């Protein structure tokens, strides 16, 4: 499969560096498509979802911004996950779908 390179990713690397636990956290990431569309995504870990549900005393994590789930929050893992979404279907379909669904 050919890699889709028609996008860029903006990650606050200082925020990643300051995380207390990269296995239990989340960060906001911005994906900019070649056509100028910018999609805000939350990249988080399974432990963080569990923590948030426990903290809020709920049995599910409700609708909101798109979450991409990764095992650990690192620049490489975030890039790999977003690249996977971009490569899975033409023109980043899933990321765009979530963006328009959420608006």
PDB file of N, CA and C in Angstrom:
ATOM      1  N   UNK A   1       0.849  -1.173   0.000  1.00  0.00           N
ATOM      2  CA  UNK A   1       0.000   0.000   0.000  1.00  0.00           C
ATOM      3  C   UNK A   1       0.901   1.244   0.000  1.00  0.00           C
ATOM      4  N   UNK A   2       0.548   2.197  -0.817  1.00  0.00           N
ATOM      5  CA  UNK A   2       1.312   3.439  -0.913  1.00  0.00           C
ATOM      6  C   UNK A   2       0.927   4.377   0.220  1.00  0.00           C
ATOM      7  N   UNK A   3       1.934   5.031   0.801  1.00  0.00           N
ATOM      8  CA  UNK A   3       1.668   5.963   1.900  1.00  0.00           C
ATOM      9  C   UNK A   3       1.094   7.267   1.374  1.00  0.00           C
ATOM     10  N   UNK A   4       0.090   7.758   2.072  1.00  0.00           N
ATOM     11  CA  UNK A   4      -0.521   9.048   1.760  1.00  0.00           C
ATOM     12  C   UNK A   4       0.306  10.128   2.446  1.00  0.00           C
ATOM     13  N   UNK A   5       0.822  11.068   1.682  1.00  0.00           N
ATOM     14  CA  UNK A   5       1.629  12.148   2.238  1.00  0.00           C
ATOM     15  C   UNK A   5       0.988  13.515   2.025  1.00  0.00           C
ATOM     16  N   UNK A   6      -0.314  13.542   1.774  1.00  0.00           N
ATOM     17  CA  UNK A   6      -1.014  14.791   1.495  1.00  0.00           C
ATOM     18  C   UNK A   6      -1.549  15.452   2.773  1.00  0.00           C
ATOM     19  N   UNK A   7      -0.758  15.430   3.831  1.00  0.00           N
ATOM     20  CA  UNK A   7      -1.192  16.011   5.095  1.00  0.00           C
ATOM     21  C   UNK A   7       0.037  16.311   5.950  1.00  0.00           C
ATOM     22  N   UNK A   8      -0.189  17.114   6.986  1.00  0.00           N
ATOM     23  CA  UNK A   8       0.861  17.344   7.978  1.00  0.00           C
ATOM     24  C   UNK A   8       0.239  17.210   9.355  1.00  0.00           C
ATOM     25  N   UNK A   9       1.070  16.931  10.338  1.00  0.00           N
ATOM     26  CA  UNK A   9       0.614  16.712  11.703  1.00  0.00           C
ATOM     27  C   UNK A   9       1.288  17.727  12.612  1.00  0.00           C
ATOM     28  N   UNK A  10       0.489  18.376  13.453  1.00  0.00           N
ATOM     29  CA  UNK A  10       1.027  19.316  14.432  1.00  0.00           C
ATOM     30  C   UNK A  10       0.804  18.743  15.827  1.00  0.00           C
ATOM     31  N   UNK A  11       1.910  18.469  16.507  1.00  0.00           N
ATOM     32  CA  UNK A  11       1.888  17.924  17.871  1.00  0.00           C
ATOM     33  C   UNK A  11       2.686  18.864  18.759  1.00  0.00           C
ATOM     34  N   UNK A  12       2.165  19.158  19.932  1.00  0.00           N
ATOM     35  CA  UNK A  12       2.916  19.950  20.899  1.00  0.00           C
ATOM     36  C   UNK A  12       3.886  19.006  21.606  1.00  0.00           C
ATOM     37  N   UNK A  13       5.127  18.961  21.113  1.00  0.00           N
ATOM     38  CA  UNK A  13       6.109  18.030  21.666  1.00  0.00           C
ATOM     39  C   UNK A  13       6.478  18.376  23.104  1.00  0.00           C
ATOM     40  N   UNK A  14       6.366  19.635  23.497  1.00  0.00           N
ATOM     41  CA  UNK A  14       6.606  20.004  24.899  1.00  0.00           C
ATOM     42  C   UNK A  14       5.571  19.362  25.803  1.00  0.00           C
ATOM     43  N   UNK A  15       4.321  19.325  25.341  1.00  0.00           N
ATOM     44  CA  UNK A  15       3.257  18.688  26.116  1.00  0.00           C
ATOM     45  C   UNK A  15       3.555  17.197  26.283  1.00  0.00           C
ATOM     46  N   UNK A  16       3.996  16.556  25.208  1.00  0.00           N
ATOM     47  CA  UNK A  16       4.344  15.139  25.304  1.00  0.00           C
ATOM     48  C   UNK A  16       5.488  14.916  26.280  1.00  0.00           C
ATOM     49  N   UNK A  17       6.486  15.751  26.197  1.00  0.00           N
ATOM     50  CA  UNK A  17       7.662  15.613  27.052  1.00  0.00           C
ATOM     51  C   UNK A  17       7.292  15.789  28.534  1.00  0.00           C
ATOM     52  N   UNK A  18       6.285  16.618  28.823  1.00  0.00           N
ATOM     53  CA  UNK A  18       5.896  16.910  30.200  1.00  0.00           C
ATOM     54  C   UNK A  18       4.862  15.936  30.768  1.00  0.00           C
ATOM     55  N   UNK A  19       4.425  14.959  29.982  1.00  0.00           N
ATOM     56  CA  UNK A  19       3.436  14.008  30.481  1.00  0.00           C
ATOM     57  C   UNK A  19       3.993  13.216  31.655  1.00  0.00           C
ATOM     58  N   UNK A  20       3.172  13.047  32.679  1.00  0.00           N
ATOM     59  CA  UNK A  20       3.592  12.241  33.832  1.00  0.00           C
ATOM     60  C   UNK A  20       3.569  10.759  33.493  1.00  0.00           C
ATOM     61  N   UNK A  21       2.592  10.355  32.682  1.00  0.00           N
ATOM     62  CA  UNK A  21       2.463   8.938  32.325  1.00  0.00           C
ATOM     63  C   UNK A  21       2.012   8.826  30.867  1.00  0.00           C
ATOM     64  N   UNK A  22       2.926   8.499  29.957  1.00  0.00           N
ATOM     65  CA  UNK A  22       2.560   8.398  28.539  1.00  0.00           C
ATOM     66  C   UNK A  22       1.638   7.213  28.229  1.00  0.00           C
ATOM     67  N   UNK A  23       1.386   6.356  29.233  1.00  0.00           N
ATOM     68  CA  UNK A  23       0.463   5.239  29.056  1.00  0.00           C
ATOM     69  C   UNK A  23      -0.928   5.567  29.600  1.00  0.00           C
ATOM     70  N   UNK A  24      -1.072   6.734  30.233  1.00  0.00           N
ATOM     71  CA  UNK A  24      -2.365   7.141  30.790  1.00  0.00           C
ATOM     72  C   UNK A  24      -2.525   8.646  30.600  1.00  0.00           C
ATOM     73  N   UNK A  25      -2.784   9.044  29.364  1.00  0.00           N
ATOM     74  CA  UNK A  25      -2.958  10.459  29.084  1.00  0.00           C
ATOM     75  C   UNK A  25      -3.561  10.634  27.699  1.00  0.00           C
ATOM     76  N   UNK A  26      -3.782  11.891  27.322  1.00  0.00           N
ATOM     77  CA  UNK A  26      -4.242  12.201  25.972  1.00  0.00           C
ATOM     78  C   UNK A  26      -3.716  13.575  25.584  1.00  0.00           C
ATOM     79  N   UNK A  27      -3.599  13.799  24.288  1.00  0.00           N
ATOM     80  CA  UNK A  27      -3.135  15.085  23.755  1.00  0.00           C
ATOM     81  C   UNK A  27      -3.975  15.440  22.538  1.00  0.00           C
ATOM     82  N   UNK A  28      -4.053  16.731  22.271  1.00  0.00           N
ATOM     83  CA  UNK A  28      -4.747  17.200  21.075  1.00  0.00           C
ATOM     84  C   UNK A  28      -3.726  17.330  19.949  1.00  0.00           C
ATOM     85  N   UNK A  29      -4.104  16.840  18.791  1.00  0.00           N
ATOM     86  CA  UNK A  29      -3.245  16.852  17.609  1.00  0.00           C
ATOM     87  C   UNK A  29      -4.044  17.466  16.469  1.00  0.00           C
ATOM     88  N   UNK A  30      -3.372  18.203  15.615  1.00  0.00           N
ATOM     89  CA  UNK A  30      -4.034  18.816  14.465  1.00  0.00           C
ATOM     90  C   UNK A  30      -3.459  18.216  13.194  1.00  0.00           C
ATOM     91  N   UNK A  31      -4.351  17.735  12.335  1.00  0.00           N
ATOM     92  CA  UNK A  31      -3.956  17.208  11.034  1.00  0.00           C
ATOM     93  C   UNK A  31      -4.422  18.208   9.988  1.00  0.00           C
ATOM     94  N   UNK A  32      -3.491  18.680   9.165  1.00  0.00           N
ATOM     95  CA  UNK A  32      -3.817  19.626   8.099  1.00  0.00           C
ATOM     96  C   UNK A  32      -3.707  18.895   6.766  1.00  0.00           C
ATOM     97  N   UNK A  33      -4.813  18.885   6.034  1.00  0.00           N
ATOM     98  CA  UNK A  33      -4.841  18.249   4.723  1.00  0.00           C
ATOM     99  C   UNK A  33      -4.301  19.210   3.671  1.00  0.00           C
ATOM    100  N   UNK A  34      -3.916  18.650   2.548  1.00  0.00           N
ATOM    101  CA  UNK A  34      -3.354  19.436   1.436  1.00  0.00           C
ATOM    102  C   UNK A  34      -4.294  20.558   0.997  1.00  0.00           C
ATOM    103  N   UNK A  35      -5.609  20.321   1.104  1.00  0.00           N
ATOM    104  CA  UNK A  35      -6.590  21.324   0.676  1.00  0.00           C
ATOM    105  C   UNK A  35      -6.848  22.403   1.742  1.00  0.00           C
ATOM    106  N   UNK A  36      -6.135  22.326   2.892  1.00  0.00           N
ATOM    107  CA  UNK A  36      -6.275  23.335   3.936  1.00  0.00           C
ATOM    108  C   UNK A  36      -7.188  22.949   5.082  1.00  0.00           C
ATOM    109  N   UNK A  37      -7.960  21.882   4.945  1.00  0.00           N
ATOM    110  CA  UNK A  37      -8.827  21.423   6.026  1.00  0.00           C
ATOM    111  C   UNK A  37      -7.971  21.024   7.223  1.00  0.00           C
ATOM    112  N   UNK A  38      -8.339  21.514   8.403  1.00  0.00           N
ATOM    113  CA  UNK A  38      -7.633  21.156   9.634  1.00  0.00           C
ATOM    114  C   UNK A  38      -8.585  20.373  10.527  1.00  0.00           C
ATOM    115  N   UNK A  39      -8.151  19.199  10.954  1.00  0.00           N
ATOM    116  CA  UNK A  39      -8.953  18.329  11.798  1.00  0.00           C
ATOM    117  C   UNK A  39      -8.271  18.203  13.154  1.00  0.00           C
ATOM    118  N   UNK A  40      -9.008  18.522  14.222  1.00  0.00           N
ATOM    119  CA  UNK A  40      -8.503  18.349  15.585  1.00  0.00           C
ATOM    120  C   UNK A  40      -8.848  16.940  16.047  1.00  0.00           C
ATOM    121  N   UNK A  41      -7.855  16.265  16.594  1.00  0.00           N
ATOM    122  CA  UNK A  41      -8.013  14.885  17.026  1.00  0.00           C
ATOM    123  C   UNK A  41      -7.439  14.752  18.427  1.00  0.00           C
ATOM    124  N   UNK A  42      -8.091  13.965  19.255  1.00  0.00           N
ATOM    125  CA  UNK A  42      -7.528  13.606  20.540  1.00  0.00           C
ATOM    126  C   UNK A  42      -6.852  12.245  20.356  1.00  0.00           C
ATOM    127  N   UNK A  43      -5.597  12.174  20.721  1.00  0.00           N
ATOM    128  CA  UNK A  43      -4.881  10.895  20.708  1.00  0.00           C
ATOM    129  C   UNK A  43      -4.674  10.527  22.163  1.00  0.00           C
ATOM    130  N   UNK A  44      -5.187   9.370  22.547  1.00  0.00           N
ATOM    131  CA  UNK A  44      -5.114   8.965  23.945  1.00  0.00           C
ATOM    132  C   UNK A  44      -4.877   7.481  24.083  1.00  0.00           C
ATOM    133  N   UNK A  45      -4.743   7.062  25.316  1.00  0.00           N
ATOM    134  CA  UNK A  45      -4.448   5.664  25.618  1.00  0.00           C
ATOM    135  C   UNK A  45      -5.670   4.978  26.222  1.00  0.00           C
ATOM    136  N   UNK A  46      -5.738   3.643  26.136  1.00  0.00           N
ATOM    137  CA  UNK A  46      -6.847   2.924  26.760  1.00  0.00           C
ATOM    138  C   UNK A  46      -6.938   3.192  28.258  1.00  0.00           C
ATOM    139  N   UNK A  47      -5.799   3.254  28.929  1.00  0.00           N
ATOM    140  CA  UNK A  47      -5.807   3.533  30.368  1.00  0.00           C
ATOM    141  C   UNK A  47      -6.403   4.902  30.657  1.00  0.00           C
ATOM    142  N   UNK A  48      -6.171   5.857  29.774  1.00  0.00           N
ATOM    143  CA  UNK A  48      -6.707   7.191  29.982  1.00  0.00           C
ATOM    144  C   UNK A  48      -8.220   7.192  29.842  1.00  0.00           C
ATOM    145  N   UNK A  49      -8.736   6.457  28.877  1.00  0.00           N
ATOM    146  CA  UNK A  49     -10.196   6.354  28.745  1.00  0.00           C
ATOM    147  C   UNK A  49     -10.799   5.751  30.008  1.00  0.00           C
ATOM    148  N   UNK A  50     -10.181   4.687  30.495  1.00  0.00           N
ATOM    149  CA  UNK A  50     -10.662   4.043  31.718  1.00  0.00           C
ATOM    150  C   UNK A  50     -10.593   5.023  32.896  1.00  0.00           C
ATOM    151  N   UNK A  51      -9.508   5.764  33.007  1.00  0.00           N
ATOM    152  CA  UNK A  51      -9.349   6.752  34.066  1.00  0.00           C
ATOM    153  C   UNK A  51     -10.450   7.825  33.983  1.00  0.00           C
ATOM    154  N   UNK A  52     -10.696   8.343  32.777  1.00  0.00           N
ATOM    155  CA  UNK A  52     -11.698   9.399  32.612  1.00  0.00           C
ATOM    156  C   UNK A  52     -13.108   8.906  32.956  1.00  0.00           C
ATOM    157  N   UNK A  53     -13.428   7.669  32.552  1.00  0.00           N
ATOM    158  CA  UNK A  53     -14.747   7.121  32.876  1.00  0.00           C
ATOM    159  C   UNK A  53     -14.896   6.936  34.386  1.00  0.00           C
ATOM    160  N   UNK A  54     -13.848   6.457  35.022  1.00  0.00           N
ATOM    161  CA  UNK A  54     -13.879   6.287  36.471  1.00  0.00           C
ATOM    162  C   UNK A  54     -14.008   7.635  37.174  1.00  0.00           C
ATOM    163  N   UNK A  55     -13.222   8.605  36.731  1.00  0.00           N
ATOM    164  CA  UNK A  55     -13.258   9.950  37.325  1.00  0.00           C
ATOM    165  C   UNK A  55     -14.640  10.585  37.194  1.00  0.00           C
ATOM    166  N   UNK A  56     -15.266  10.397  36.016  1.00  0.00           N
ATOM    167  CA  UNK A  56     -16.583  10.993  35.763  1.00  0.00           C
ATOM    168  C   UNK A  56     -17.733  10.082  36.200  1.00  0.00           C
ATOM    169  N   UNK A  57     -17.400   8.886  36.698  1.00  0.00           N
ATOM    170  CA  UNK A  57     -18.387   7.911  37.169  1.00  0.00           C
ATOM    171  C   UNK A  57     -19.417   7.580  36.094  1.00  0.00           C
ATOM    172  N   UNK A  58     -18.904   7.237  34.904  1.00  0.00           N
ATOM    173  CA  UNK A  58     -19.754   6.831  33.786  1.00  0.00           C
ATOM    174  C   UNK A  58     -19.281   5.478  33.263  1.00  0.00           C
ATOM    175  N   UNK A  59     -20.164   4.803  32.549  1.00  0.00           N
ATOM    176  CA  UNK A  59     -19.847   3.482  32.005  1.00  0.00           C
ATOM    177  C   UNK A  59     -19.416   3.515  30.549  1.00  0.00           C
ATOM    178  N   UNK A  60     -19.370   4.704  29.958  1.00  0.00           N
ATOM    179  CA  UNK A  60     -18.919   4.845  28.575  1.00  0.00           C
ATOM    180  C   UNK A  60     -18.351   6.235  28.409  1.00  0.00           C
ATOM    181  N   UNK A  61     -17.567   6.403  27.368  1.00  0.00           N
ATOM    182  CA  UNK A  61     -17.028   7.729  27.082  1.00  0.00           C
ATOM    183  C   UNK A  61     -17.810   8.274  25.909  1.00  0.00           C
ATOM    184  N   UNK A  62     -18.525   9.348  26.126  1.00  0.00           N
ATOM    185  CA  UNK A  62     -19.493   9.872  25.171  1.00  0.00           C
ATOM    186  C   UNK A  62     -18.923  10.545  23.950  1.00  0.00           C
ATOM    187  N   UNK A  63     -19.827  11.017  23.098  1.00  0.00           N
ATOM    188  CA  UNK A  63     -19.444  11.661  21.846  1.00  0.00           C
ATOM    189  C   UNK A  63     -18.614  12.925  22.092  1.00  0.00           C
ATOM    190  N   UNK A  64     -17.839  13.253  21.113  1.00  0.00           N
ATOM    191  CA  UNK A  64     -16.995  14.444  21.177  1.00  0.00           C
ATOM    192  C   UNK A  64     -15.994  14.398  20.047  1.00  0.00           C
ATOM    193  N   UNK A  65     -14.870  14.997  20.274  1.00  0.00           N
ATOM    194  CA  UNK A  65     -13.822  14.955  19.262  1.00  0.00           C
ATOM    195  C   UNK A  65     -13.394  13.520  18.994  1.00  0.00           C
ATOM    196  N   UNK A  66     -12.945  13.293  17.792  1.00  0.00           N
ATOM    197  CA  UNK A  66     -12.410  11.991  17.412  1.00  0.00           C
ATOM    198  C   UNK A  66     -11.266  11.609  18.336  1.00  0.00           C
ATOM    199  N   UNK A  67     -11.278  10.384  18.823  1.00  0.00           N
ATOM    200  CA  UNK A  67     -10.167   9.828  19.594  1.00  0.00           C
ATOM    201  C   UNK A  67      -9.487   8.774  18.748  1.00  0.00           C
ATOM    202  N   UNK A  68      -8.198   8.827  18.692  1.00  0.00           N
ATOM    203  CA  UNK A  68      -7.396   7.740  18.146  1.00  0.00           C
ATOM    204  C   UNK A  68      -6.691   7.132  19.352  1.00  0.00           C
ATOM    205  N   UNK A  69      -6.811   5.833  19.491  1.00  0.00           N
ATOM    206  CA  UNK A  69      -6.275   5.140  20.652  1.00  0.00           C
ATOM    207  C   UNK A  69      -4.910   4.553  20.313  1.00  0.00           C
ATOM    208  N   UNK A  70      -3.936   4.847  21.154  1.00  0.00           N
ATOM    209  CA  UNK A  70      -2.580   4.321  21.004  1.00  0.00           C
ATOM    210  C   UNK A  70      -2.154   3.718  22.340  1.00  0.00           C
ATOM    211  N   UNK A  71      -1.183   2.830  22.295  1.00  0.00           N
ATOM    212  CA  UNK A  71      -0.697   2.189  23.510  1.00  0.00           C
ATOM    213  C   UNK A  71       0.082   3.164  24.382  1.00  0.00           C
ATOM    214  N   UNK A  72       0.902   4.005  23.730  1.00  0.00           N
ATOM    215  CA  UNK A  72       1.758   4.946  24.450  1.00  0.00           C
ATOM    216  C   UNK A  72       1.820   6.247  23.655  1.00  0.00           C
ATOM    217  N   UNK A  73       1.828   7.365  24.359  1.00  0.00           N
ATOM    218  CA  UNK A  73       1.885   8.664  23.692  1.00  0.00           C
ATOM    219  C   UNK A  73       3.331   9.066  23.431  1.00  0.00           C
ATOM    220  N   UNK A  74       3.753   8.826  22.203  1.00  0.00           N
ATOM    221  CA  UNK A  74       5.052   9.281  21.719  1.00  0.00           C
ATOM    222  C   UNK A  74       4.827   9.892  20.346  1.00  0.00           C
ATOM    223  N   UNK A  75       5.735  10.737  19.897  1.00  0.00           N
ATOM    224  CA  UNK A  75       5.621  11.334  18.568  1.00  0.00           C
ATOM    225  C   UNK A  75       5.520  10.231  17.512  1.00  0.00           C
ATOM    226  N   UNK A  76       6.349   9.208  17.636  1.00  0.00           N
ATOM    227  CA  UNK A  76       6.371   8.136  16.639  1.00  0.00           C
ATOM    228  C   UNK A  76       5.051   7.375  16.600  1.00  0.00           C
ATOM    229  N   UNK A  77       4.514   7.046  17.778  1.00  0.00           N
ATOM    230  CA  UNK A  77       3.258   6.302  17.833  1.00  0.00           C
ATOM    231  C   UNK A  77       2.109   7.123  17.260  1.00  0.00           C
ATOM    232  N   UNK A  78       2.069   8.409  17.592  1.00  0.00           N
ATOM    233  CA  UNK A  78       1.019   9.281  17.072  1.00  0.00           C
ATOM    234  C   UNK A  78       1.117   9.377  15.557  1.00  0.00           C
ATOM    235  N   UNK A  79       2.323   9.577  15.040  1.00  0.00           N
ATOM    236  CA  UNK A  79       2.506   9.637  13.587  1.00  0.00           C
ATOM    237  C   UNK A  79       2.083   8.324  12.925  1.00  0.00           C
ATOM    238  N   UNK A  80       2.482   7.201  13.500  1.00  0.00           N
ATOM    239  CA  UNK A  80       2.117   5.900  12.924  1.00  0.00           C
ATOM    240  C   UNK A  80       0.600   5.715  12.897  1.00  0.00           C
ATOM    241  N   UNK A  81      -0.077   6.099  13.978  1.00  0.00           N
ATOM    242  CA  UNK A  81      -1.526   5.925  14.048  1.00  0.00           C
ATOM    243  C   UNK A  81      -2.241   6.788  13.016  1.00  0.00           C
ATOM    244  N   UNK A  82      -1.852   8.045  12.924  1.00  0.00           N
ATOM    245  CA  UNK A  82      -2.502   8.940  11.960  1.00  0.00           C
ATOM    246  C   UNK A  82      -2.172   8.510  10.536  1.00  0.00           C
ATOM    247  N   UNK A  83      -0.942   8.100  10.300  1.00  0.00           N
ATOM    248  CA  UNK A  83      -0.572   7.596   8.977  1.00  0.00           C
ATOM    249  C   UNK A  83      -1.432   6.387   8.617  1.00  0.00           C
ATOM    250  N   UNK A  84      -1.695   5.522   9.600  1.00  0.00           N
ATOM    251  CA  UNK A  84      -2.560   4.363   9.370  1.00  0.00           C
ATOM    252  C   UNK A  84      -3.960   4.763   8.938  1.00  0.00           C
ATOM    253  N   UNK A  85      -4.524   5.780   9.590  1.00  0.00           N
ATOM    254  CA  UNK A  85      -5.836   6.280   9.188  1.00  0.00           C
ATOM    255  C   UNK A  85      -5.786   6.865   7.774  1.00  0.00           C
ATOM    256  N   UNK A  86      -4.721   7.583   7.475  1.00  0.00           N
ATOM    257  CA  UNK A  86      -4.600   8.207   6.149  1.00  0.00           C
ATOM    258  C   UNK A  86      -4.418   7.162   5.053  1.00  0.00           C
ATOM    259  N   UNK A  87      -3.677   6.113   5.351  1.00  0.00           N
ATOM    260  CA  UNK A  87      -3.400   5.089   4.340  1.00  0.00           C
ATOM    261  C   UNK A  87      -4.546   4.100   4.169  1.00  0.00           C
ATOM    262  N   UNK A  88      -5.400   3.975   5.177  1.00  0.00           N
ATOM    263  CA  UNK A  88      -6.454   2.963   5.144  1.00  0.00           C
ATOM    264  C   UNK A  88      -7.474   3.203   4.040  1.00  0.00           C
ATOM    265  N   UNK A  89      -7.736   4.447   3.739  1.00  0.00           N
ATOM    266  CA  UNK A  89      -8.715   4.755   2.701  1.00  0.00           C
ATOM    267  C   UNK A  89      -8.282   6.026   1.974  1.00  0.00           C
ATOM    268  N   UNK A  90      -8.807   6.229   0.785  1.00  0.00           N
ATOM    269  CA  UNK A  90      -8.370   7.374  -0.030  1.00  0.00           C
ATOM    270  C   UNK A  90      -8.559   8.723   0.661  1.00  0.00           C
ATOM    271  N   UNK A  91      -7.553   9.542   0.569  1.00  0.00           N
ATOM    272  CA  UNK A  91      -7.625  10.949   1.004  1.00  0.00           C
ATOM    273  C   UNK A  91      -7.982  11.154   2.464  1.00  0.00           C
ATOM    274  N   UNK A  92      -7.638  10.207   3.333  1.00  0.00           N
ATOM    275  CA  UNK A  92      -7.929  10.379   4.755  1.00  0.00           C
ATOM    276  C   UNK A  92      -9.415  10.359   5.068  1.00  0.00           C
ATOM    277  N   UNK A  93     -10.166   9.542   4.362  1.00  0.00           N
ATOM    278  CA  UNK A  93     -11.624   9.488   4.472  1.00  0.00           C
ATOM    279  C   UNK A  93     -12.104   9.433   5.924  1.00  0.00           C
ATOM    280  N   UNK A  94     -11.534   8.531   6.746  1.00  0.00           N
ATOM    281  CA  UNK A  94     -12.036   8.355   8.104  1.00  0.00           C
ATOM    282  C   UNK A  94     -11.820   9.593   8.951  1.00  0.00           C
ATOM    283  N   UNK A  95     -10.682  10.232   8.815  1.00  0.00           N
ATOM    284  CA  UNK A  95     -10.446  11.452   9.590  1.00  0.00           C
ATOM    285  C   UNK A  95     -11.407  12.560   9.155  1.00  0.00           C
ATOM    286  N   UNK A  96     -11.629  12.682   7.871  1.00  0.00           N
ATOM    287  CA  UNK A  96     -12.557  13.701   7.372  1.00  0.00           C
ATOM    288  C   UNK A  96     -13.992  13.377   7.799  1.00  0.00           C
ATOM    289  N   UNK A  97     -14.365  12.106   7.747  1.00  0.00           N
ATOM    290  CA  UNK A  97     -15.710  11.697   8.153  1.00  0.00           C
ATOM    291  C   UNK A  97     -15.965  12.064   9.612  1.00  0.00           C
ATOM    292  N   UNK A  98     -15.029  11.742  10.481  1.00  0.00           N
ATOM    293  CA  UNK A  98     -15.182  12.095  11.885  1.00  0.00           C
ATOM    294  C   UNK A  98     -15.275  13.599  12.071  1.00  0.00           C
ATOM    295  N   UNK A  99     -14.498  14.331  11.302  1.00  0.00           N
ATOM    296  CA  UNK A  99     -14.518  15.794  11.393  1.00  0.00           C
ATOM    297  C   UNK A  99     -15.906  16.337  11.050  1.00  0.00           C
ATOM    298  N   UNK A 100     -16.449  15.895   9.924  1.00  0.00           N
ATOM    299  CA  UNK A 100     -17.754  16.410   9.496  1.00  0.00           C
ATOM    300  C   UNK A 100     -18.884  15.884  10.349  1.00  0.00           C
ATOM    301  N   UNK A 101     -18.744  14.659  10.864  1.00  0.00           N
ATOM    302  CA  UNK A 101     -19.756  14.102  11.756  1.00  0.00           C
ATOM    303  C   UNK A 101     -19.824  14.917  13.032  1.00  0.00           C
ATOM    304  N   UNK A 102     -18.668  15.356  13.508  1.00  0.00           N
ATOM    305  CA  UNK A 102     -18.605  16.065  14.789  1.00  0.00           C
ATOM    306  C   UNK A 102     -19.087  17.516  14.662  1.00  0.00           C
ATOM    307  N   UNK A 103     -19.036  18.083  13.477  1.00  0.00           N
ATOM    308  CA  UNK A 103     -19.475  19.473  13.317  1.00  0.00           C
ATOM    309  C   UNK A 103     -20.941  19.506  13.142  1.00  0.00           C
TER     310      UNK A 103
END
